[in-house]
PDB file of all heavy atoms in Angstrom:
ATOM      1  N   HIS A   1     -13.146 -90.071 -55.758  1.00  0.00           N
ATOM      2  CA  HIS A   1     -13.481 -91.345 -55.135  1.00  0.00           C
ATOM      3  C   HIS A   1     -13.137 -91.272 -53.648  1.00  0.00           C
ATOM      4  O   HIS A   1     -12.129 -90.662 -53.263  1.00  0.00           O
ATOM      5  CB  HIS A   1     -12.672 -92.452 -55.811  1.00  0.00           C
ATOM      6  CG  HIS A   1     -13.357 -93.766 -55.894  1.00  0.00           C
ATOM      7  ND1 HIS A   1     -12.672 -94.959 -55.986  1.00  0.00           N
ATOM      8  CD2 HIS A   1     -14.667 -94.112 -55.896  1.00  0.00           C
ATOM      9  CE1 HIS A   1     -13.509 -95.959 -56.067  1.00  0.00           C
ATOM     10  NE2 HIS A   1     -14.738 -95.470 -56.014  1.00  0.00           N
ATOM     11  N   LYS A   2     -13.931 -91.922 -52.805  1.00  0.00           N
ATOM     12  CA  LYS A   2     -13.728 -91.860 -51.360  1.00  0.00           C
ATOM     13  C   LYS A   2     -13.879 -93.240 -50.734  1.00  0.00           C
ATOM     14  O   LYS A   2     -14.602 -94.091 -51.262  1.00  0.00           O
ATOM     15  CB  LYS A   2     -14.743 -90.901 -50.729  1.00  0.00           C
ATOM     16  CG  LYS A   2     -14.652 -89.454 -51.198  1.00  0.00           C
ATOM     17  CD  LYS A   2     -15.764 -88.620 -50.590  1.00  0.00           C
ATOM     18  CE  LYS A   2     -15.601 -87.138 -50.924  1.00  0.00           C
ATOM     19  NZ  LYS A   2     -15.784 -86.881 -52.365  1.00  0.00           N
ATOM     20  N   ILE A   3     -13.201 -93.450 -49.594  1.00  0.00           N
ATOM     21  CA  ILE A   3     -13.364 -94.666 -48.796  1.00  0.00           C
ATOM     22  C   ILE A   3     -14.140 -94.306 -47.533  1.00  0.00           C
ATOM     23  O   ILE A   3     -13.786 -93.363 -46.822  1.00  0.00           O
ATOM     24  CB  ILE A   3     -11.999 -95.280 -48.411  1.00  0.00           C
ATOM     25  CG1 ILE A   3     -11.219 -95.697 -49.657  1.00  0.00           C
ATOM     26  CG2 ILE A   3     -12.202 -96.480 -47.492  1.00  0.00           C
ATOM     27  CD1 ILE A   3      -9.802 -96.168 -49.352  1.00  0.00           C
ATOM     28  N   PHE A   4     -15.208 -95.068 -47.271  1.00  0.00           N
ATOM     29  CA  PHE A   4     -16.046 -94.853 -46.098  1.00  0.00           C
ATOM     30  C   PHE A   4     -16.064 -96.112 -45.231  1.00  0.00           C
ATOM     31  O   PHE A   4     -15.801 -97.222 -45.702  1.00  0.00           O
ATOM     32  CB  PHE A   4     -17.485 -94.529 -46.510  1.00  0.00           C
ATOM     33  CG  PHE A   4     -17.652 -93.270 -47.299  1.00  0.00           C
ATOM     34  CD1 PHE A   4     -17.692 -93.302 -48.691  1.00  0.00           C
ATOM     35  CD2 PHE A   4     -17.796 -92.043 -46.663  1.00  0.00           C
ATOM     36  CE1 PHE A   4     -17.863 -92.144 -49.428  1.00  0.00           C
ATOM     37  CE2 PHE A   4     -17.970 -90.876 -47.399  1.00  0.00           C
ATOM     38  CZ  PHE A   4     -17.999 -90.925 -48.783  1.00  0.00           C
ATOM     39  N   LEU A   5     -16.438 -95.928 -43.959  1.00  0.00           N
ATOM     40  CA  LEU A   5     -16.724 -97.043 -43.056  1.00  0.00           C
ATOM     41  C   LEU A   5     -18.185 -96.964 -42.652  1.00  0.00           C
ATOM     42  O   LEU A   5     -18.634 -95.935 -42.098  1.00  0.00           O
ATOM     43  CB  LEU A   5     -15.841 -96.983 -41.807  1.00  0.00           C
ATOM     44  CG  LEU A   5     -16.174 -98.002 -40.706  1.00  0.00           C
ATOM     45  CD1 LEU A   5     -15.986 -99.434 -41.205  1.00  0.00           C
ATOM     46  CD2 LEU A   5     -15.330 -97.752 -39.455  1.00  0.00           C
ATOM     47  N   HIS A   6     -18.919 -98.033 -42.939  1.00  0.00           N
ATOM     48  CA  HIS A   6     -20.313 -98.105 -42.510  1.00  0.00           C
ATOM     49  C   HIS A   6     -20.414 -99.014 -41.298  1.00  0.00           C
ATOM     50  O   HIS A   6     -20.007-100.178 -41.349  1.00  0.00           O
ATOM     51  CB  HIS A   6     -21.209 -98.648 -43.628  1.00  0.00           C
ATOM     52  CG  HIS A   6     -22.629 -98.837 -43.188  1.00  0.00           C
ATOM     53  ND1 HIS A   6     -23.490 -97.786 -43.006  1.00  0.00           N
ATOM     54  CD2 HIS A   6     -23.334 -99.964 -42.852  1.00  0.00           C
ATOM     55  CE1 HIS A   6     -24.665 -98.240 -42.594  1.00  0.00           C
ATOM     56  NE2 HIS A   6     -24.595 -99.561 -42.501  1.00  0.00           N
ATOM     57  N   LYS A   7     -20.939 -98.499 -40.213  1.00  0.00           N
ATOM     58  CA  LYS A   7     -21.172 -99.295 -39.013  1.00  0.00           C
ATOM     59  C   LYS A   7     -22.621 -99.780 -39.015  1.00  0.00           C
ATOM     60  O   LYS A   7     -23.557 -98.999 -39.256  1.00  0.00           O
ATOM     61  CB  LYS A   7     -20.901 -98.463 -37.760  1.00  0.00           C
ATOM     62  CG  LYS A   7     -19.453 -98.001 -37.628  1.00  0.00           C
ATOM     63  CD  LYS A   7     -18.517 -99.153 -37.271  1.00  0.00           C
ATOM     64  CE  LYS A   7     -18.635 -99.528 -35.805  1.00  0.00           C
ATOM     65  NZ  LYS A   7     -17.621-100.542 -35.408  1.00  0.00           N
ATOM     66  N   LEU A   8     -22.802-101.067 -38.763  1.00  0.00           N
ATOM     67  CA  LEU A   8     -24.142-101.648 -38.802  1.00  0.00           C
ATOM     68  C   LEU A   8     -25.065-100.960 -37.796  1.00  0.00           C
ATOM     69  O   LEU A   8     -24.650-100.597 -36.689  1.00  0.00           O
ATOM     70  CB  LEU A   8     -24.081-103.141 -38.516  1.00  0.00           C
ATOM     71  CG  LEU A   8     -23.304-104.006 -39.516  1.00  0.00           C
ATOM     72  CD1 LEU A   8     -23.441-105.484 -39.164  1.00  0.00           C
ATOM     73  CD2 LEU A   8     -23.778-103.766 -40.946  1.00  0.00           C
ATOM     74  N   GLY A   9     -26.317-100.800 -38.228  1.00  0.00           N
ATOM     75  CA  GLY A   9     -27.318-100.196 -37.360  1.00  0.00           C
ATOM     76  C   GLY A   9     -27.334 -98.689 -37.385  1.00  0.00           C
ATOM     77  O   GLY A   9     -28.101 -98.061 -36.643  1.00  0.00           O
ATOM     78  N   THR A  10     -26.507 -98.070 -38.252  1.00  0.00           N
ATOM     79  CA  THR A  10     -26.476 -96.607 -38.362  1.00  0.00           C
ATOM     80  C   THR A  10     -26.867 -96.199 -39.779  1.00  0.00           C
ATOM     81  O   THR A  10     -26.648 -96.944 -40.737  1.00  0.00           O
ATOM     82  CB  THR A  10     -25.080 -96.052 -38.038  1.00  0.00           C
ATOM     83  OG1 THR A  10     -24.147 -96.493 -39.039  1.00  0.00           O
ATOM     84  CG2 THR A  10     -24.613 -96.528 -36.667  1.00  0.00           C
ATOM     85  N   PRO A  11     -27.434 -95.002 -39.953  1.00  0.00           N
ATOM     86  CA  PRO A  11     -27.768 -94.540 -41.301  1.00  0.00           C
ATOM     87  C   PRO A  11     -26.511 -94.192 -42.086  1.00  0.00           C
ATOM     88  O   PRO A  11     -25.460 -93.876 -41.509  1.00  0.00           O
ATOM     89  CB  PRO A  11     -28.623 -93.300 -41.038  1.00  0.00           C
ATOM     90  CG  PRO A  11     -28.177 -92.815 -39.694  1.00  0.00           C
ATOM     91  CD  PRO A  11     -27.838 -94.042 -38.906  1.00  0.00           C
ATOM     92  N   GLN A  12     -26.614 -94.211 -43.409  1.00  0.00           N
ATOM     93  CA  GLN A  12     -25.465 -93.910 -44.248  1.00  0.00           C
ATOM     94  C   GLN A  12     -24.942 -92.500 -43.993  1.00  0.00           C
ATOM     95  O   GLN A  12     -23.736 -92.243 -44.150  1.00  0.00           O
ATOM     96  CB  GLN A  12     -25.815 -94.086 -45.725  1.00  0.00           C
ATOM     97  CG  GLN A  12     -24.629 -93.893 -46.664  1.00  0.00           C
ATOM     98  CD  GLN A  12     -24.976 -94.111 -48.130  1.00  0.00           C
ATOM     99  OE1 GLN A  12     -26.118 -94.399 -48.458  1.00  0.00           O
ATOM    100  NE2 GLN A  12     -24.000 -93.970 -49.005  1.00  0.00           N
ATOM    101  N   SER A  13     -25.813 -91.600 -43.592  1.00  0.00           N
ATOM    102  CA  SER A  13     -25.382 -90.218 -43.332  1.00  0.00           C
ATOM    103  C   SER A  13     -24.344 -90.130 -42.221  1.00  0.00           C
ATOM    104  O   SER A  13     -23.623 -89.129 -42.108  1.00  0.00           O
ATOM    105  CB  SER A  13     -26.597 -89.358 -42.970  1.00  0.00           C
ATOM    106  OG  SER A  13     -27.256 -89.878 -41.817  1.00  0.00           O
ATOM    107  N   GLU A  14     -24.247 -91.180 -41.393  1.00  0.00           N
ATOM    108  CA  GLU A  14     -23.264 -91.203 -40.320  1.00  0.00           C
ATOM    109  C   GLU A  14     -22.002 -91.983 -40.687  1.00  0.00           C
ATOM    110  O   GLU A  14     -21.101 -92.134 -39.844  1.00  0.00           O
ATOM    111  CB  GLU A  14     -23.885 -91.790 -39.044  1.00  0.00           C
ATOM    112  CG  GLU A  14     -25.015 -90.944 -38.478  1.00  0.00           C
ATOM    113  CD  GLU A  14     -25.606 -91.527 -37.201  1.00  0.00           C
ATOM    114  OE1 GLU A  14     -25.005 -92.493 -36.654  1.00  0.00           O
ATOM    115  OE2 GLU A  14     -26.663 -91.044 -36.763  1.00  0.00           O
ATOM    116  N   ASP A  15     -21.926 -92.484 -41.932  1.00  0.00           N
ATOM    117  CA  ASP A  15     -20.727 -93.221 -42.342  1.00  0.00           C
ATOM    118  C   ASP A  15     -19.506 -92.311 -42.267  1.00  0.00           C
ATOM    119  O   ASP A  15     -19.557 -91.134 -42.662  1.00  0.00           O
ATOM    120  CB  ASP A  15     -20.883 -93.756 -43.769  1.00  0.00           C
ATOM    121  CG  ASP A  15     -21.866 -94.919 -43.837  1.00  0.00           C
ATOM    122  OD1 ASP A  15     -22.397 -95.319 -42.785  1.00  0.00           O
ATOM    123  OD2 ASP A  15     -22.095 -95.429 -44.951  1.00  0.00           O
ATOM    124  N   ARG A  16     -18.423 -92.867 -41.760  1.00  0.00           N
ATOM    125  CA  ARG A  16     -17.216 -92.081 -41.532  1.00  0.00           C
ATOM    126  C   ARG A  16     -16.323 -92.088 -42.775  1.00  0.00           C
ATOM    127  O   ARG A  16     -16.048 -93.147 -43.341  1.00  0.00           O
ATOM    128  CB  ARG A  16     -16.455 -92.653 -40.337  1.00  0.00           C
ATOM    129  CG  ARG A  16     -15.220 -91.844 -39.955  1.00  0.00           C
ATOM    130  CD  ARG A  16     -14.891 -92.012 -38.477  1.00  0.00           C
ATOM    131  NE  ARG A  16     -14.628 -93.398 -38.134  1.00  0.00           N
ATOM    132  CZ  ARG A  16     -13.407 -93.912 -38.009  1.00  0.00           C
ATOM    133  NH1 ARG A  16     -12.347 -93.162 -38.239  1.00  0.00           N
ATOM    134  NH2 ARG A  16     -13.253 -95.167 -37.648  1.00  0.00           N
ATOM    135  N   LEU A  17     -15.915 -90.911 -43.206  1.00  0.00           N
ATOM    136  CA  LEU A  17     -14.955 -90.805 -44.299  1.00  0.00           C
ATOM    137  C   LEU A  17     -13.592 -91.247 -43.778  1.00  0.00           C
ATOM    138  O   LEU A  17     -13.043 -90.655 -42.850  1.00  0.00           O
ATOM    139  CB  LEU A  17     -14.889 -89.366 -44.816  1.00  0.00           C
ATOM    140  CG  LEU A  17     -13.846 -89.091 -45.903  1.00  0.00           C
ATOM    141  CD1 LEU A  17     -14.168 -89.868 -47.169  1.00  0.00           C
ATOM    142  CD2 LEU A  17     -13.766 -87.592 -46.205  1.00  0.00           C
ATOM    143  N   ILE A  18     -13.041 -92.288 -44.379  1.00  0.00           N
ATOM    144  CA  ILE A  18     -11.775 -92.865 -43.933  1.00  0.00           C
ATOM    145  C   ILE A  18     -10.600 -92.297 -44.705  1.00  0.00           C
ATOM    146  O   ILE A  18      -9.539 -92.008 -44.148  1.00  0.00           O
ATOM    147  CB  ILE A  18     -11.806 -94.403 -44.067  1.00  0.00           C
ATOM    148  CG1 ILE A  18     -12.923 -94.987 -43.201  1.00  0.00           C
ATOM    149  CG2 ILE A  18     -10.462 -95.013 -43.706  1.00  0.00           C
ATOM    150  CD1 ILE A  18     -12.774 -94.693 -41.714  1.00  0.00           C
ATOM    151  N   PHE A  19     -10.792 -92.120 -46.014  1.00  0.00           N
ATOM    152  CA  PHE A  19      -9.670 -91.635 -46.836  1.00  0.00           C
ATOM    153  C   PHE A  19     -10.212 -91.035 -48.121  1.00  0.00           C
ATOM    154  O   PHE A  19     -11.159 -91.567 -48.728  1.00  0.00           O
ATOM    155  CB  PHE A  19      -8.725 -92.796 -47.170  1.00  0.00           C
ATOM    156  CG  PHE A  19      -7.464 -92.359 -47.862  1.00  0.00           C
ATOM    157  CD1 PHE A  19      -6.370 -91.899 -47.139  1.00  0.00           C
ATOM    158  CD2 PHE A  19      -7.358 -92.398 -49.251  1.00  0.00           C
ATOM    159  CE1 PHE A  19      -5.208 -91.477 -47.770  1.00  0.00           C
ATOM    160  CE2 PHE A  19      -6.205 -91.980 -49.895  1.00  0.00           C
ATOM    161  CZ  PHE A  19      -5.120 -91.522 -49.154  1.00  0.00           C
ATOM    162  N   ASP A  20      -9.634 -89.932 -48.542  1.00  0.00           N
ATOM    163  CA  ASP A  20      -9.931 -89.364 -49.859  1.00  0.00           C
ATOM    164  C   ASP A  20      -8.731 -88.552 -50.319  1.00  0.00           C
ATOM    165  O   ASP A  20      -7.759 -88.383 -49.575  1.00  0.00           O
ATOM    166  CB  ASP A  20     -11.212 -88.528 -49.853  1.00  0.00           C
ATOM    167  CG  ASP A  20     -11.081 -87.252 -49.033  1.00  0.00           C
ATOM    168  OD1 ASP A  20     -10.123 -87.149 -48.229  1.00  0.00           O
ATOM    169  OD2 ASP A  20     -11.940 -86.362 -49.172  1.00  0.00           O
ATOM    170  N   ARG A  21      -8.797 -88.068 -51.545  1.00  0.00           N
ATOM    171  CA  ARG A  21      -7.726 -87.260 -52.120  1.00  0.00           C
ATOM    172  C   ARG A  21      -8.322 -85.979 -52.709  1.00  0.00           C
ATOM    173  O   ARG A  21      -8.498 -85.879 -53.924  1.00  0.00           O
ATOM    174  CB  ARG A  21      -6.977 -88.059 -53.179  1.00  0.00           C
ATOM    175  CG  ARG A  21      -6.030 -89.111 -52.627  1.00  0.00           C
ATOM    176  CD  ARG A  21      -4.792 -88.483 -51.980  1.00  0.00           C
ATOM    177  NE  ARG A  21      -4.082 -87.626 -52.914  1.00  0.00           N
ATOM    178  CZ  ARG A  21      -3.153 -88.073 -53.779  1.00  0.00           C
ATOM    179  NH1 ARG A  21      -2.829 -89.358 -53.797  1.00  0.00           N
ATOM    180  NH2 ARG A  21      -2.551 -87.242 -54.598  1.00  0.00           N
ATOM    181  N   PRO A  22      -8.672 -85.008 -51.873  1.00  0.00           N
ATOM    182  CA  PRO A  22      -9.258 -83.771 -52.408  1.00  0.00           C
ATOM    183  C   PRO A  22      -8.316 -82.991 -53.304  1.00  0.00           C
ATOM    184  O   PRO A  22      -8.756 -82.105 -54.041  1.00  0.00           O
ATOM    185  CB  PRO A  22      -9.600 -82.980 -51.131  1.00  0.00           C
ATOM    186  CG  PRO A  22      -8.714 -83.544 -50.065  1.00  0.00           C
ATOM    187  CD  PRO A  22      -8.543 -84.986 -50.414  1.00  0.00           C
ATOM    188  N   ASP A  23      -7.007 -83.336 -53.261  1.00  0.00           N
ATOM    189  CA  ASP A  23      -6.026 -82.642 -54.097  1.00  0.00           C
ATOM    190  C   ASP A  23      -5.947 -83.193 -55.507  1.00  0.00           C
ATOM    191  O   ASP A  23      -5.319 -82.595 -56.379  1.00  0.00           O
ATOM    192  CB  ASP A  23      -4.640 -82.741 -53.459  1.00  0.00           C
ATOM    193  CG  ASP A  23      -4.182 -84.187 -53.314  1.00  0.00           C
ATOM    194  OD1 ASP A  23      -4.971 -85.007 -52.774  1.00  0.00           O
ATOM    195  OD2 ASP A  23      -3.063 -84.512 -53.747  1.00  0.00           O
ATOM    196  N   ASP A  24      -6.583 -84.350 -55.759  1.00  0.00           N
ATOM    197  CA  ASP A  24      -6.503 -84.977 -57.089  1.00  0.00           C
ATOM    198  C   ASP A  24      -7.809 -85.708 -57.369  1.00  0.00           C
ATOM    199  O   ASP A  24      -8.056 -86.799 -56.844  1.00  0.00           O
ATOM    200  CB  ASP A  24      -5.318 -85.949 -57.160  1.00  0.00           C
ATOM    201  CG  ASP A  24      -5.016 -86.407 -58.589  1.00  0.00           C
ATOM    202  OD1 ASP A  24      -5.925 -86.342 -59.437  1.00  0.00           O
ATOM    203  OD2 ASP A  24      -3.877 -86.836 -58.838  1.00  0.00           O
ATOM    204  N   LYS A  25      -8.635 -85.133 -58.204  1.00  0.00           N
ATOM    205  CA  LYS A  25      -9.963 -85.684 -58.457  1.00  0.00           C
ATOM    206  C   LYS A  25      -9.929 -86.988 -59.251  1.00  0.00           C
ATOM    207  O   LYS A  25     -10.920 -87.720 -59.299  1.00  0.00           O
ATOM    208  CB  LYS A  25     -10.825 -84.666 -59.199  1.00  0.00           C
ATOM    209  CG  LYS A  25     -10.353 -84.340 -60.622  1.00  0.00           C
ATOM    210  CD  LYS A  25     -11.249 -83.299 -61.269  1.00  0.00           C
ATOM    211  CE  LYS A  25     -10.826 -82.987 -62.707  1.00  0.00           C
ATOM    212  NZ  LYS A  25     -11.719 -81.984 -63.346  1.00  0.00           N
ATOM    213  N   GLU A  26      -8.781 -87.322 -59.875  1.00  0.00           N
ATOM    214  CA  GLU A  26      -8.717 -88.494 -60.741  1.00  0.00           C
ATOM    215  C   GLU A  26      -8.095 -89.717 -60.065  1.00  0.00           C
ATOM    216  O   GLU A  26      -7.745 -90.684 -60.732  1.00  0.00           O
ATOM    217  CB  GLU A  26      -7.954 -88.156 -62.023  1.00  0.00           C
ATOM    218  CG  GLU A  26      -8.661 -87.119 -62.885  1.00  0.00           C
ATOM    219  CD  GLU A  26      -7.958 -86.862 -64.206  1.00  0.00           C
ATOM    220  OE1 GLU A  26      -6.834 -87.373 -64.388  1.00  0.00           O
ATOM    221  OE2 GLU A  26      -8.531 -86.148 -65.055  1.00  0.00           O
ATOM    222  N   ILE A  27      -7.979 -89.686 -58.741  1.00  0.00           N
ATOM    223  CA  ILE A  27      -7.473 -90.851 -58.022  1.00  0.00           C
ATOM    224  C   ILE A  27      -8.627 -91.805 -57.723  1.00  0.00           C
ATOM    225  O   ILE A  27      -9.661 -91.406 -57.177  1.00  0.00           O
ATOM    226  CB  ILE A  27      -6.783 -90.430 -56.701  1.00  0.00           C
ATOM    227  CG1 ILE A  27      -5.503 -89.644 -56.990  1.00  0.00           C
ATOM    228  CG2 ILE A  27      -6.482 -91.650 -55.835  1.00  0.00           C
ATOM    229  CD1 ILE A  27      -4.393 -90.478 -57.617  1.00  0.00           C
ATOM    230  N   ASN A  28      -8.444 -93.073 -58.075  1.00  0.00           N
ATOM    231  CA  ASN A  28      -9.395 -94.125 -57.696  1.00  0.00           C
ATOM    232  C   ASN A  28      -8.847 -94.860 -56.481  1.00  0.00           C
ATOM    233  O   ASN A  28      -7.636 -95.106 -56.380  1.00  0.00           O
ATOM    234  CB  ASN A  28      -9.604 -95.108 -58.850  1.00  0.00           C
ATOM    235  CG  ASN A  28     -10.412 -94.503 -59.971  1.00  0.00           C
ATOM    236  OD1 ASN A  28     -11.336 -93.733 -59.733  1.00  0.00           O
ATOM    237  ND2 ASN A  28     -10.069 -94.857 -61.203  1.00  0.00           N
ATOM    238  N   LEU A  29      -9.735 -95.256 -55.581  1.00  0.00           N
ATOM    239  CA  LEU A  29      -9.322 -95.830 -54.311  1.00  0.00           C
ATOM    240  C   LEU A  29      -9.827 -97.255 -54.142  1.00  0.00           C
ATOM    241  O   LEU A  29     -10.882 -97.617 -54.659  1.00  0.00           O
ATOM    242  CB  LEU A  29      -9.844 -94.967 -53.155  1.00  0.00           C
ATOM    243  CG  LEU A  29      -9.376 -93.508 -53.147  1.00  0.00           C
ATOM    244  CD1 LEU A  29     -10.079 -92.735 -52.046  1.00  0.00           C
ATOM    245  CD2 LEU A  29      -7.869 -93.417 -52.997  1.00  0.00           C
ATOM    246  N   GLY A  30      -9.058 -98.037 -53.420  1.00  0.00           N
ATOM    247  CA  GLY A  30      -9.455 -99.386 -53.044  1.00  0.00           C
ATOM    248  C   GLY A  30      -9.147 -99.606 -51.583  1.00  0.00           C
ATOM    249  O   GLY A  30      -8.199 -99.014 -51.037  1.00  0.00           O
ATOM    250  N   ALA A  31      -9.944-100.433 -50.914  1.00  0.00           N
ATOM    251  CA  ALA A  31      -9.732-100.693 -49.491  1.00  0.00           C
ATOM    252  C   ALA A  31      -9.972-102.166 -49.210  1.00  0.00           C
ATOM    253  O   ALA A  31     -10.905-102.769 -49.746  1.00  0.00           O
ATOM    254  CB  ALA A  31     -10.674 -99.840 -48.644  1.00  0.00           C
ATOM    255  N   GLY A  32      -9.136-102.740 -48.369  1.00  0.00           N
ATOM    256  CA  GLY A  32      -9.304-104.125 -47.961  1.00  0.00           C
ATOM    257  C   GLY A  32      -8.757-104.323 -46.563  1.00  0.00           C
ATOM    258  O   GLY A  32      -7.796-103.654 -46.163  1.00  0.00           O
TER     259      GLY A  32
END
């Protein structure tokens, strides 16, 4: 699971990865 930031007016391919856990595939993420 990953947290992204989408900036308006840009394609999804440019969304910035904000946080992930490549060391543990079973972590679920939440952002607020």
